[in-house]
Amino acid sequence: MATKPFASAADLAAKVETLEILADGVYALTSEGDPNVGAIEGEDFVVAFEARATPVAAQDWLTKLREHTDKPVKYLVLSHYHAVRVLGASAFGAETIIAHDNTRVLIAERGQQDWASELGRMPRLFRDPDSVPGLTWPDLTFSDSLTIDLGGDRGELVLQYCGRGHTAGDIVAWLPGERVLFAGDLVEAQAALYTGDAFHADWSTGTLDRVKAFGAEVLVGGRGAVPRGRAAVGAAIEQTREFLLVMRAKAGEVHARGGSLKEAFELTHAALAPAYGAWPIFEHCLPFDVARLWDELNGITWPRIWTADRDRQIWDELQG
């Protein structure tokens, strides 16, 4: 069987971007399975959520946002450290970039390698990669929660750490008045999960339980459409959990009987593909997902660093 095209390297078609108004002064930009971004207006400033992969790509989002508000971006919130989420930060001109304590640790430990890895995996997202001035560093980090007063009658925006999940440092942004939750890659709505740097047991249990406990009525996940209504939000969270639980069950079954990583990948792929196989980045993500889960089953608790060379090795081994 021929090797499948590497990761998302063959995904070169432009996506349709849709700006959605979720509540007064609350925005999300979705783009057919590409990473979602968002913004929240304060009385006289904007809080942006996620930064895109390059300043050029980020500027496209800001141009759309400026059709609705000309307030300056005071805060840029990064849900986690992955390059496609952070390297466009310089376009925002934000006074303060906010992330979790662990995100700063991960940028220092593996930010450069992650940049090279994701550029190779998802070249289309890195529009004009030479426009990236360097690694994005947060100005302000926190361990548990941080509240931003939006001013006037705009209420508060709560940034919350819900536990280890997609990475060790994922945070969500919660608008209690509007009941809108920006969940980052902790939740995907009809898009496959990337778990190559994940903590599968924590994510599929307590972390998602805490995300669900917000009782959000609108949720912006990492990719995919924006679920609206308690039932749709709950379904997106449970879809995310089910993906993780199936992975844990199938890879765990192979590991328990002394099988191989390749066998674990094939059994997991067969179990997930009927429900999820047509969703964005499923084939791209799954080899890296199962490789990380296999490491966990072997007792490697802290995710190994992905490099361009390791990406190719795993891809050739599992998708060949």
C-alpha atoms as a PDB file:
ATOM      1  CA  MET A   1       0.000   0.000   0.000  1.00  0.00           C
ATOM      2  CA  ALA A   2       1.324   3.455  -0.928  1.00  0.00           C
ATOM      3  CA  THR A   3       2.280   5.834   1.832  1.00  0.00           C
ATOM      4  CA  LYS A   4      -0.375   8.485   2.431  1.00  0.00           C
ATOM      5  CA  PRO A   5       0.645  12.115   1.854  1.00  0.00           C
ATOM      6  CA  PHE A   6       2.483  13.345   4.925  1.00  0.00           C
ATOM      7  CA  ALA A   7       0.244  14.881   7.603  1.00  0.00           C
ATOM      8  CA  SER A   8      -1.558  17.891   6.045  1.00  0.00           C
ATOM      9  CA  ALA A   9       1.139  18.679   3.476  1.00  0.00           C
ATOM     10  CA  ALA A  10      -1.243  17.887   0.603  1.00  0.00           C
ATOM     11  CA  ASP A  11      -4.086  19.989   2.067  1.00  0.00           C
ATOM     12  CA  LEU A  12      -3.545  23.108  -0.007  1.00  0.00           C
ATOM     13  CA  ALA A  13      -7.109  24.195  -0.795  1.00  0.00           C
ATOM     14  CA  ALA A  14      -8.238  27.523   0.671  1.00  0.00           C
ATOM     15  CA  LYS A  15     -10.951  27.320   3.342  1.00  0.00           C
ATOM     16  CA  VAL A  16     -14.013  29.519   3.661  1.00  0.00           C
ATOM     17  CA  GLU A  17     -13.705  31.711   6.748  1.00  0.00           C
ATOM     18  CA  THR A  18     -16.860  32.711   8.622  1.00  0.00           C
ATOM     19  CA  LEU A  19     -17.028  35.395  11.281  1.00  0.00           C
ATOM     20  CA  GLU A  20     -19.792  34.609  13.768  1.00  0.00           C
ATOM     21  CA  ILE A  21     -21.242  37.021  16.312  1.00  0.00           C
ATOM     22  CA  LEU A  22     -21.931  34.880  19.382  1.00  0.00           C
ATOM     23  CA  ALA A  23     -23.239  37.673  21.627  1.00  0.00           C
ATOM     24  CA  ASP A  24     -22.890  41.440  21.791  1.00  0.00           C
ATOM     25  CA  GLY A  25     -19.189  42.089  21.182  1.00  0.00           C
ATOM     26  CA  VAL A  26     -18.254  38.391  21.190  1.00  0.00           C
ATOM     27  CA  TYR A  27     -16.831  36.935  17.973  1.00  0.00           C
ATOM     28  CA  ALA A  28     -15.471  33.696  16.551  1.00  0.00           C
ATOM     29  CA  LEU A  29     -13.829  33.006  13.212  1.00  0.00           C
ATOM     30  CA  THR A  30     -14.251  29.459  11.937  1.00  0.00           C
ATOM     31  CA  SER A  31     -12.790  28.108   8.712  1.00  0.00           C
ATOM     32  CA  GLU A  32     -13.928  24.624   7.707  1.00  0.00           C
ATOM     33  CA  GLY A  33     -11.807  22.689  10.159  1.00  0.00           C
ATOM     34  CA  ASP A  34      -8.840  25.057  10.336  1.00  0.00           C
ATOM     35  CA  PRO A  35      -7.995  26.423  13.813  1.00  0.00           C
ATOM     36  CA  ASN A  36     -10.677  28.701  15.268  1.00  0.00           C
ATOM     37  CA  VAL A  37      -9.932  32.105  16.787  1.00  0.00           C
ATOM     38  CA  GLY A  38     -12.050  34.564  18.752  1.00  0.00           C
ATOM     39  CA  ALA A  39     -12.350  37.993  20.321  1.00  0.00           C
ATOM     40  CA  ILE A  40     -14.243  39.651  23.157  1.00  0.00           C
ATOM     41  CA  GLU A  41     -14.890  43.381  23.357  1.00  0.00           C
ATOM     42  CA  GLY A  42     -14.340  45.219  26.603  1.00  0.00           C
ATOM     43  CA  GLU A  43     -15.588  48.738  27.175  1.00  0.00           C
ATOM     44  CA  ASP A  44     -12.609  50.305  25.400  1.00  0.00           C
ATOM     45  CA  PHE A  45     -10.394  47.374  24.391  1.00  0.00           C
ATOM     46  CA  VAL A  46     -10.465  43.890  22.867  1.00  0.00           C
ATOM     47  CA  VAL A  47      -9.320  40.545  24.243  1.00  0.00           C
ATOM     48  CA  ALA A  48      -8.187  38.270  21.402  1.00  0.00           C
ATOM     49  CA  PHE A  49      -8.200  34.490  21.855  1.00  0.00           C
ATOM     50  CA  GLU A  50      -5.514  32.655  19.841  1.00  0.00           C
ATOM     51  CA  ALA A  51      -3.081  34.192  17.352  1.00  0.00           C
ATOM     52  CA  ARG A  52      -2.890  31.966  14.232  1.00  0.00           C
ATOM     53  CA  ALA A  53       0.310  30.601  12.701  1.00  0.00           C
ATOM     54  CA  THR A  54       1.850  33.763  11.232  1.00  0.00           C
ATOM     55  CA  PRO A  55       1.341  37.530  11.473  1.00  0.00           C
ATOM     56  CA  VAL A  56       0.093  37.552   7.864  1.00  0.00           C
ATOM     57  CA  ALA A  57      -2.560  34.928   8.640  1.00  0.00           C
ATOM     58  CA  ALA A  58      -3.469  36.788  11.842  1.00  0.00           C
ATOM     59  CA  GLN A  59      -3.876  40.043   9.936  1.00  0.00           C
ATOM     60  CA  ASP A  60      -6.577  38.473   7.748  1.00  0.00           C
ATOM     61  CA  TRP A  61      -8.545  37.714  10.926  1.00  0.00           C
ATOM     62  CA  LEU A  62      -7.964  41.193  12.319  1.00  0.00           C
ATOM     63  CA  THR A  63      -9.177  42.773   9.077  1.00  0.00           C
ATOM     64  CA  LYS A  64     -12.479  40.929   9.447  1.00  0.00           C
ATOM     65  CA  LEU A  65     -12.696  41.850  13.128  1.00  0.00           C
ATOM     66  CA  ARG A  66     -12.140  45.538  12.292  1.00  0.00           C
ATOM     67  CA  GLU A  67     -15.396  45.500  10.351  1.00  0.00           C
ATOM     68  CA  HIS A  68     -17.090  45.218  13.762  1.00  0.00           C
ATOM     69  CA  THR A  69     -14.849  47.050  16.228  1.00  0.00           C
ATOM     70  CA  ASP A  70     -11.908  49.449  16.094  1.00  0.00           C
ATOM     71  CA  LYS A  71     -10.980  49.018  19.756  1.00  0.00           C
ATOM     72  CA  PRO A  72      -7.315  48.152  20.331  1.00  0.00           C
ATOM     73  CA  VAL A  73      -6.255  44.660  21.365  1.00  0.00           C
ATOM     74  CA  LYS A  74      -5.170  44.996  24.984  1.00  0.00           C
ATOM     75  CA  TYR A  75      -4.865  41.311  25.811  1.00  0.00           C
ATOM     76  CA  LEU A  76      -3.976  38.330  23.635  1.00  0.00           C
ATOM     77  CA  VAL A  77      -4.864  35.029  25.312  1.00  0.00           C
ATOM     78  CA  LEU A  78      -3.080  31.876  24.139  1.00  0.00           C
ATOM     79  CA  SER A  79      -4.862  28.644  25.038  1.00  0.00           C
ATOM     80  CA  HIS A  80      -1.633  26.621  24.714  1.00  0.00           C
ATOM     81  CA  TYR A  81       1.812  26.637  23.103  1.00  0.00           C
ATOM     82  CA  HIS A  82       1.366  25.036  19.669  1.00  0.00           C
ATOM     83  CA  ALA A  83       2.870  27.040  16.815  1.00  0.00           C
ATOM     84  CA  VAL A  84      -0.322  27.366  14.755  1.00  0.00           C
ATOM     85  CA  ARG A  85      -1.919  29.062  17.773  1.00  0.00           C
ATOM     86  CA  VAL A  86       0.816  31.471  18.809  1.00  0.00           C
ATOM     87  CA  LEU A  87       3.312  32.514  16.147  1.00  0.00           C
ATOM     88  CA  GLY A  88       1.065  35.205  14.640  1.00  0.00           C
ATOM     89  CA  ALA A  89       1.028  37.151  17.902  1.00  0.00           C
ATOM     90  CA  SER A  90       3.023  40.154  16.687  1.00  0.00           C
ATOM     91  CA  ALA A  91       0.158  41.216  14.381  1.00  0.00           C
ATOM     92  CA  PHE A  92      -2.104  42.053  17.321  1.00  0.00           C
ATOM     93  CA  GLY A  93       0.011  44.730  18.968  1.00  0.00           C
ATOM     94  CA  ALA A  94      -1.324  43.522  22.313  1.00  0.00           C
ATOM     95  CA  GLU A  95      -0.210  45.193  25.528  1.00  0.00           C
ATOM     96  CA  THR A  96      -0.173  41.842  27.325  1.00  0.00           C
ATOM     97  CA  ILE A  97       0.054  38.240  26.107  1.00  0.00           C
ATOM     98  CA  ILE A  98      -1.451  35.792  28.625  1.00  0.00           C
ATOM     99  CA  ALA A  99      -0.946  32.033  28.947  1.00  0.00           C
ATOM    100  CA  HIS A 100      -0.670  29.332  31.594  1.00  0.00           C
ATOM    101  CA  ASP A 101       2.497  28.805  33.615  1.00  0.00           C
ATOM    102  CA  ASN A 102       3.041  25.447  31.908  1.00  0.00           C
ATOM    103  CA  THR A 103       2.750  27.029  28.477  1.00  0.00           C
ATOM    104  CA  ARG A 104       5.745  29.221  29.220  1.00  0.00           C
ATOM    105  CA  VAL A 105       7.658  26.095  30.334  1.00  0.00           C
ATOM    106  CA  LEU A 106       6.732  24.260  27.140  1.00  0.00           C
ATOM    107  CA  ILE A 107       7.726  27.158  24.885  1.00  0.00           C
ATOM    108  CA  ALA A 108      11.131  27.246  26.550  1.00  0.00           C
ATOM    109  CA  GLU A 109      11.520  23.471  26.366  1.00  0.00           C
ATOM    110  CA  ARG A 110      10.226  22.750  22.850  1.00  0.00           C
ATOM    111  CA  GLY A 111       8.922  25.877  21.140  1.00  0.00           C
ATOM    112  CA  GLN A 112      11.547  25.915  18.406  1.00  0.00           C
ATOM    113  CA  GLN A 113      11.136  22.228  17.587  1.00  0.00           C
ATOM    114  CA  ASP A 114       7.345  22.567  17.579  1.00  0.00           C
ATOM    115  CA  TRP A 115       7.591  25.468  15.116  1.00  0.00           C
ATOM    116  CA  ALA A 116       9.607  23.359  12.657  1.00  0.00           C
ATOM    117  CA  SER A 117       7.368  20.342  13.198  1.00  0.00           C
ATOM    118  CA  GLU A 118       4.090  22.167  12.583  1.00  0.00           C
ATOM    119  CA  LEU A 119       5.426  24.084   9.590  1.00  0.00           C
ATOM    120  CA  GLY A 120       6.233  20.745   7.971  1.00  0.00           C
ATOM    121  CA  ARG A 121       2.923  19.172   8.909  1.00  0.00           C
ATOM    122  CA  MET A 122       0.602  22.090   8.022  1.00  0.00           C
ATOM    123  CA  PRO A 123       2.365  24.346   5.501  1.00  0.00           C
ATOM    124  CA  ARG A 124      -0.829  25.998   4.235  1.00  0.00           C
ATOM    125  CA  LEU A 125      -1.541  27.535   7.646  1.00  0.00           C
ATOM    126  CA  PHE A 126       1.881  29.225   7.696  1.00  0.00           C
ATOM    127  CA  ARG A 127       1.084  31.994   5.227  1.00  0.00           C
ATOM    128  CA  ASP A 128       4.339  33.900   4.659  1.00  0.00           C
ATOM    129  CA  PRO A 129       6.348  32.050   7.338  1.00  0.00           C
ATOM    130  CA  ASP A 130       9.150  34.598   7.054  1.00  0.00           C
ATOM    131  CA  SER A 131       6.819  37.133   8.685  1.00  0.00           C
ATOM    132  CA  VAL A 132       7.157  35.309  12.033  1.00  0.00           C
ATOM    133  CA  PRO A 133       9.656  37.342  14.105  1.00  0.00           C
ATOM    134  CA  GLY A 134      10.471  34.524  16.525  1.00  0.00           C
ATOM    135  CA  LEU A 135       8.954  32.506  19.334  1.00  0.00           C
ATOM    136  CA  THR A 136       5.967  34.042  21.099  1.00  0.00           C
ATOM    137  CA  TRP A 137       6.513  34.549  24.817  1.00  0.00           C
ATOM    138  CA  PRO A 138       3.731  35.365  27.292  1.00  0.00           C
ATOM    139  CA  ASP A 139       4.051  38.522  29.382  1.00  0.00           C
ATOM    140  CA  LEU A 140       1.725  37.224  32.084  1.00  0.00           C
ATOM    141  CA  THR A 141       1.104  33.653  33.228  1.00  0.00           C
ATOM    142  CA  PHE A 142      -1.027  32.079  35.946  1.00  0.00           C
ATOM    143  CA  SER A 143      -1.538  28.668  37.545  1.00  0.00           C
ATOM    144  CA  ASP A 144      -5.269  28.385  38.334  1.00  0.00           C
ATOM    145  CA  SER A 145      -7.413  31.281  37.126  1.00  0.00           C
ATOM    146  CA  LEU A 146      -7.206  34.920  36.113  1.00  0.00           C
ATOM    147  CA  THR A 147     -10.102  37.357  35.717  1.00  0.00           C
ATOM    148  CA  ILE A 148     -10.148  40.289  33.296  1.00  0.00           C
ATOM    149  CA  ASP A 149     -12.554  43.138  34.104  1.00  0.00           C
ATOM    150  CA  LEU A 150     -13.990  44.115  30.736  1.00  0.00           C
ATOM    151  CA  GLY A 151     -15.099  47.521  32.021  1.00  0.00           C
ATOM    152  CA  GLY A 152     -18.423  49.358  32.115  1.00  0.00           C
ATOM    153  CA  ASP A 153     -21.303  46.909  31.959  1.00  0.00           C
ATOM    154  CA  ARG A 154     -19.321  44.356  29.946  1.00  0.00           C
ATOM    155  CA  GLY A 155     -18.775  42.058  32.942  1.00  0.00           C
ATOM    156  CA  GLU A 156     -15.780  39.769  33.408  1.00  0.00           C
ATOM    157  CA  LEU A 157     -13.809  37.286  31.356  1.00  0.00           C
ATOM    158  CA  VAL A 158     -12.515  34.352  33.390  1.00  0.00           C
ATOM    159  CA  LEU A 159      -9.419  32.495  32.200  1.00  0.00           C
ATOM    160  CA  GLN A 160      -9.345  29.059  33.792  1.00  0.00           C
ATOM    161  CA  TYR A 161      -7.000  26.088  33.914  1.00  0.00           C
ATOM    162  CA  CYS A 162      -9.101  22.904  33.934  1.00  0.00           C
ATOM    163  CA  GLY A 163      -6.259  20.391  34.171  1.00  0.00           C
ATOM    164  CA  ARG A 164      -3.934  18.600  31.811  1.00  0.00           C
ATOM    165  CA  GLY A 165      -5.460  17.695  28.475  1.00  0.00           C
ATOM    166  CA  HIS A 166      -4.457  18.527  24.918  1.00  0.00           C
ATOM    167  CA  THR A 167      -1.217  19.797  26.498  1.00  0.00           C
ATOM    168  CA  ALA A 168      -0.040  20.401  30.051  1.00  0.00           C
ATOM    169  CA  GLY A 169      -1.050  24.047  29.854  1.00  0.00           C
ATOM    170  CA  ASP A 170      -4.444  24.432  28.166  1.00  0.00           C
ATOM    171  CA  ILE A 171      -6.689  27.240  29.383  1.00  0.00           C
ATOM    172  CA  VAL A 172     -10.255  28.229  28.529  1.00  0.00           C
ATOM    173  CA  ALA A 173     -11.917  31.655  28.447  1.00  0.00           C
ATOM    174  CA  TRP A 174     -15.366  31.923  30.040  1.00  0.00           C
ATOM    175  CA  LEU A 175     -17.940  34.697  29.758  1.00  0.00           C
ATOM    176  CA  PRO A 176     -20.389  33.914  32.582  1.00  0.00           C
ATOM    177  CA  GLY A 177     -22.896  36.596  31.597  1.00  0.00           C
ATOM    178  CA  GLU A 178     -23.191  35.402  27.997  1.00  0.00           C
ATOM    179  CA  ARG A 179     -22.458  31.763  28.888  1.00  0.00           C
ATOM    180  CA  VAL A 180     -19.916  31.556  26.062  1.00  0.00           C
ATOM    181  CA  LEU A 181     -16.855  29.336  26.468  1.00  0.00           C
ATOM    182  CA  PHE A 182     -13.719  29.486  24.325  1.00  0.00           C
ATOM    183  CA  ALA A 183     -12.356  25.989  24.964  1.00  0.00           C
ATOM    184  CA  GLY A 184      -9.303  25.874  22.704  1.00  0.00           C
ATOM    185  CA  ASP A 185      -8.279  22.368  21.666  1.00  0.00           C
ATOM    186  CA  LEU A 186      -9.731  20.776  24.795  1.00  0.00           C
ATOM    187  CA  VAL A 187     -12.940  20.345  22.776  1.00  0.00           C
ATOM    188  CA  GLU A 188     -13.440  19.778  19.059  1.00  0.00           C
ATOM    189  CA  ALA A 189     -16.803  19.934  17.312  1.00  0.00           C
ATOM    190  CA  GLN A 190     -16.857  17.501  14.405  1.00  0.00           C
ATOM    191  CA  ALA A 191     -13.089  17.639  13.997  1.00  0.00           C
ATOM    192  CA  ALA A 192     -10.545  14.995  14.923  1.00  0.00           C
ATOM    193  CA  LEU A 193      -8.419  15.406  18.048  1.00  0.00           C
ATOM    194  CA  TYR A 194      -4.698  16.003  18.047  1.00  0.00           C
ATOM    195  CA  THR A 195      -3.303  14.301  21.155  1.00  0.00           C
ATOM    196  CA  GLY A 196       0.408  14.094  20.340  1.00  0.00           C
ATOM    197  CA  ASP A 197       1.287  16.152  23.432  1.00  0.00           C
ATOM    198  CA  ALA A 198      -1.668  15.058  25.545  1.00  0.00           C
ATOM    199  CA  PHE A 199      -2.450  13.501  28.892  1.00  0.00           C
ATOM    200  CA  HIS A 200      -5.179  11.131  27.768  1.00  0.00           C
ATOM    201  CA  ALA A 201      -6.436   9.881  31.139  1.00  0.00           C
ATOM    202  CA  ASP A 202      -6.644  13.343  32.716  1.00  0.00           C
ATOM    203  CA  TRP A 203      -8.237  14.868  29.628  1.00  0.00           C
ATOM    204  CA  SER A 204     -10.927  12.219  29.181  1.00  0.00           C
ATOM    205  CA  THR A 205     -11.979  12.369  32.841  1.00  0.00           C
ATOM    206  CA  GLY A 206     -11.519  15.292  35.224  1.00  0.00           C
ATOM    207  CA  THR A 207     -10.449  17.917  32.705  1.00  0.00           C
ATOM    208  CA  LEU A 208     -13.483  17.467  30.464  1.00  0.00           C
ATOM    209  CA  ASP A 209     -15.695  17.180  33.549  1.00  0.00           C
ATOM    210  CA  ARG A 210     -14.527  20.641  34.592  1.00  0.00           C
ATOM    211  CA  VAL A 211     -15.092  22.013  31.088  1.00  0.00           C
ATOM    212  CA  LYS A 212     -18.613  20.598  31.100  1.00  0.00           C
ATOM    213  CA  ALA A 213     -19.341  22.046  34.549  1.00  0.00           C
ATOM    214  CA  PHE A 214     -19.334  25.601  33.148  1.00  0.00           C
ATOM    215  CA  GLY A 215     -22.730  24.859  31.638  1.00  0.00           C
ATOM    216  CA  ALA A 216     -21.870  26.809  28.498  1.00  0.00           C
ATOM    217  CA  GLU A 217     -24.625  27.561  26.009  1.00  0.00           C
ATOM    218  CA  VAL A 218     -22.177  28.453  23.222  1.00  0.00           C
ATOM    219  CA  LEU A 219     -18.760  26.818  22.814  1.00  0.00           C
ATOM    220  CA  VAL A 220     -15.890  27.697  20.513  1.00  0.00           C
ATOM    221  CA  GLY A 221     -13.692  24.636  20.203  1.00  0.00           C
ATOM    222  CA  GLY A 222     -10.289  24.371  18.631  1.00  0.00           C
ATOM    223  CA  ARG A 223     -11.649  23.455  15.211  1.00  0.00           C
ATOM    224  CA  GLY A 224     -15.020  22.904  13.647  1.00  0.00           C
ATOM    225  CA  ALA A 225     -18.425  24.559  13.924  1.00  0.00           C
ATOM    226  CA  VAL A 226     -19.610  26.493  16.985  1.00  0.00           C
ATOM    227  CA  PRO A 227     -22.162  24.430  18.960  1.00  0.00           C
ATOM    228  CA  ARG A 228     -25.062  26.485  20.321  1.00  0.00           C
ATOM    229  CA  GLY A 229     -27.417  25.346  23.061  1.00  0.00           C
ATOM    230  CA  ARG A 230     -26.730  23.153  26.083  1.00  0.00           C
ATOM    231  CA  ALA A 231     -27.440  19.928  24.198  1.00  0.00           C
ATOM    232  CA  ALA A 232     -25.102  20.736  21.309  1.00  0.00           C
ATOM    233  CA  VAL A 233     -22.337  21.913  23.652  1.00  0.00           C
ATOM    234  CA  GLY A 234     -22.681  18.770  25.737  1.00  0.00           C
ATOM    235  CA  ALA A 235     -22.569  16.622  22.603  1.00  0.00           C
ATOM    236  CA  ALA A 236     -19.304  18.252  21.471  1.00  0.00           C
ATOM    237  CA  ILE A 237     -17.719  17.643  24.863  1.00  0.00           C
ATOM    238  CA  GLU A 238     -18.878  14.026  24.934  1.00  0.00           C
ATOM    239  CA  GLN A 239     -17.756  13.473  21.331  1.00  0.00           C
ATOM    240  CA  THR A 240     -14.301  14.639  22.407  1.00  0.00           C
ATOM    241  CA  ARG A 241     -14.384  12.316  25.405  1.00  0.00           C
ATOM    242  CA  GLU A 242     -15.521   9.347  23.312  1.00  0.00           C
ATOM    243  CA  PHE A 243     -12.648   9.817  20.851  1.00  0.00           C
ATOM    244  CA  LEU A 244     -10.202   9.705  23.762  1.00  0.00           C
ATOM    245  CA  LEU A 245     -11.859   6.743  25.455  1.00  0.00           C
ATOM    246  CA  VAL A 246     -11.871   4.658  22.274  1.00  0.00           C
ATOM    247  CA  MET A 247      -8.190   5.422  21.761  1.00  0.00           C
ATOM    248  CA  ARG A 248      -7.376   4.441  25.343  1.00  0.00           C
ATOM    249  CA  ALA A 249      -9.377   1.221  25.095  1.00  0.00           C
ATOM    250  CA  LYS A 250      -7.999   0.019  21.759  1.00  0.00           C
ATOM    251  CA  ALA A 251      -4.354   0.957  22.275  1.00  0.00           C
ATOM    252  CA  GLY A 252      -4.568  -0.354  25.836  1.00  0.00           C
ATOM    253  CA  GLU A 253      -5.891  -3.679  24.591  1.00  0.00           C
ATOM    254  CA  VAL A 254      -2.931  -4.126  22.240  1.00  0.00           C
ATOM    255  CA  HIS A 255      -0.431  -2.996  24.875  1.00  0.00           C
ATOM    256  CA  ALA A 256      -1.834  -5.407  27.469  1.00  0.00           C
ATOM    257  CA  ARG A 257      -1.299  -8.407  25.181  1.00  0.00           C
ATOM    258  CA  GLY A 258       2.227  -7.357  24.237  1.00  0.00           C
ATOM    259  CA  GLY A 259       1.417  -6.146  20.744  1.00  0.00           C
ATOM    260  CA  SER A 260       3.172  -3.460  18.731  1.00  0.00           C
ATOM    261  CA  LEU A 261       2.635   0.244  18.172  1.00  0.00           C
ATOM    262  CA  LYS A 262       1.678  -0.526  14.571  1.00  0.00           C
ATOM    263  CA  GLU A 263      -0.998  -2.959  15.761  1.00  0.00           C
ATOM    264  CA  ALA A 264      -2.295  -0.389  18.237  1.00  0.00           C
ATOM    265  CA  PHE A 265      -2.551   2.205  15.474  1.00  0.00           C
ATOM    266  CA  GLU A 266      -4.376  -0.133  13.113  1.00  0.00           C
ATOM    267  CA  LEU A 267      -6.901  -1.274  15.730  1.00  0.00           C
ATOM    268  CA  THR A 268      -7.522   2.292  16.880  1.00  0.00           C
ATOM    269  CA  HIS A 269      -7.889   3.511  13.298  1.00  0.00           C
ATOM    270  CA  ALA A 270     -10.406   0.768  12.539  1.00  0.00           C
ATOM    271  CA  ALA A 271     -12.442   1.648  15.625  1.00  0.00           C
ATOM    272  CA  LEU A 272     -12.496   5.417  15.056  1.00  0.00           C
ATOM    273  CA  ALA A 273     -12.682   5.715  11.280  1.00  0.00           C
ATOM    274  CA  PRO A 274     -16.384   4.849  10.809  1.00  0.00           C
ATOM    275  CA  ALA A 275     -17.477   7.772  12.996  1.00  0.00           C
ATOM    276  CA  TYR A 276     -14.584  10.210  12.642  1.00  0.00           C
ATOM    277  CA  GLY A 277     -12.612   9.279   9.545  1.00  0.00           C
ATOM    278  CA  ALA A 278     -14.143  11.929   7.274  1.00  0.00           C
ATOM    279  CA  TRP A 279     -13.569  14.738   9.766  1.00  0.00           C
ATOM    280  CA  PRO A 280     -10.806  17.353   9.349  1.00  0.00           C
ATOM    281  CA  ILE A 281      -7.218  16.179  10.033  1.00  0.00           C
ATOM    282  CA  PHE A 282      -8.203  12.665  11.172  1.00  0.00           C
ATOM    283  CA  GLU A 283      -5.568  10.901   9.059  1.00  0.00           C
ATOM    284  CA  HIS A 284      -3.028  13.598   9.883  1.00  0.00           C
ATOM    285  CA  CYS A 285      -3.460  13.365  13.640  1.00  0.00           C
ATOM    286  CA  LEU A 286      -3.978   9.719  14.445  1.00  0.00           C
ATOM    287  CA  PRO A 287      -0.400   8.403  14.035  1.00  0.00           C
ATOM    288  CA  PHE A 288       0.911  11.082  16.397  1.00  0.00           C
ATOM    289  CA  ASP A 289      -2.016  10.533  18.766  1.00  0.00           C
ATOM    290  CA  VAL A 290      -1.420   6.808  19.101  1.00  0.00           C
ATOM    291  CA  ALA A 291       2.346   7.254  19.396  1.00  0.00           C
ATOM    292  CA  ARG A 292       1.869   9.582  22.381  1.00  0.00           C
ATOM    293  CA  LEU A 293      -0.685   7.263  23.992  1.00  0.00           C
ATOM    294  CA  TRP A 294       1.681   4.319  23.495  1.00  0.00           C
ATOM    295  CA  ASP A 295       4.385   6.278  25.321  1.00  0.00           C
ATOM    296  CA  GLU A 296       1.991   6.834  28.218  1.00  0.00           C
ATOM    297  CA  LEU A 297       1.210   3.128  28.349  1.00  0.00           C
ATOM    298  CA  ASN A 298       4.963   2.551  28.538  1.00  0.00           C
ATOM    299  CA  GLY A 299       5.223   4.900  31.524  1.00  0.00           C
ATOM    300  CA  ILE A 300       6.495   8.013  29.720  1.00  0.00           C
ATOM    301  CA  THR A 301       4.405  10.600  31.535  1.00  0.00           C
ATOM    302  CA  TRP A 302       5.850  13.807  30.043  1.00  0.00           C
ATOM    303  CA  PRO A 303       5.329  14.038  26.253  1.00  0.00           C
ATOM    304  CA  ARG A 304       8.404  13.531  24.129  1.00  0.00           C
ATOM    305  CA  ILE A 305       9.334  16.447  21.880  1.00  0.00           C
ATOM    306  CA  TRP A 306       8.163  16.208  18.293  1.00  0.00           C
ATOM    307  CA  THR A 307      10.803  17.119  15.739  1.00  0.00           C
ATOM    308  CA  ALA A 308      10.573  17.164  11.963  1.00  0.00           C
ATOM    309  CA  ASP A 309      12.619  13.941  11.832  1.00  0.00           C
ATOM    310  CA  ARG A 310      10.539  12.166  14.472  1.00  0.00           C
ATOM    311  CA  ASP A 311       7.343  13.246  12.684  1.00  0.00           C
ATOM    312  CA  ARG A 312       8.480  11.527   9.507  1.00  0.00           C
ATOM    313  CA  GLN A 313       9.654   8.415  11.314  1.00  0.00           C
ATOM    314  CA  ILE A 314       6.289   7.879  13.021  1.00  0.00           C
ATOM    315  CA  TRP A 315       4.382   8.705   9.856  1.00  0.00           C
ATOM    316  CA  ASP A 316       6.332   6.220   7.779  1.00  0.00           C
ATOM    317  CA  GLU A 317       6.002   3.544  10.443  1.00  0.00           C
ATOM    318  CA  LEU A 318       2.250   3.900  10.947  1.00  0.00           C
ATOM    319  CA  GLN A 319       0.782   5.388   7.769  1.00  0.00           C
ATOM    320  CA  GLY A 320       3.027   3.539   5.360  1.00  0.00           C
END
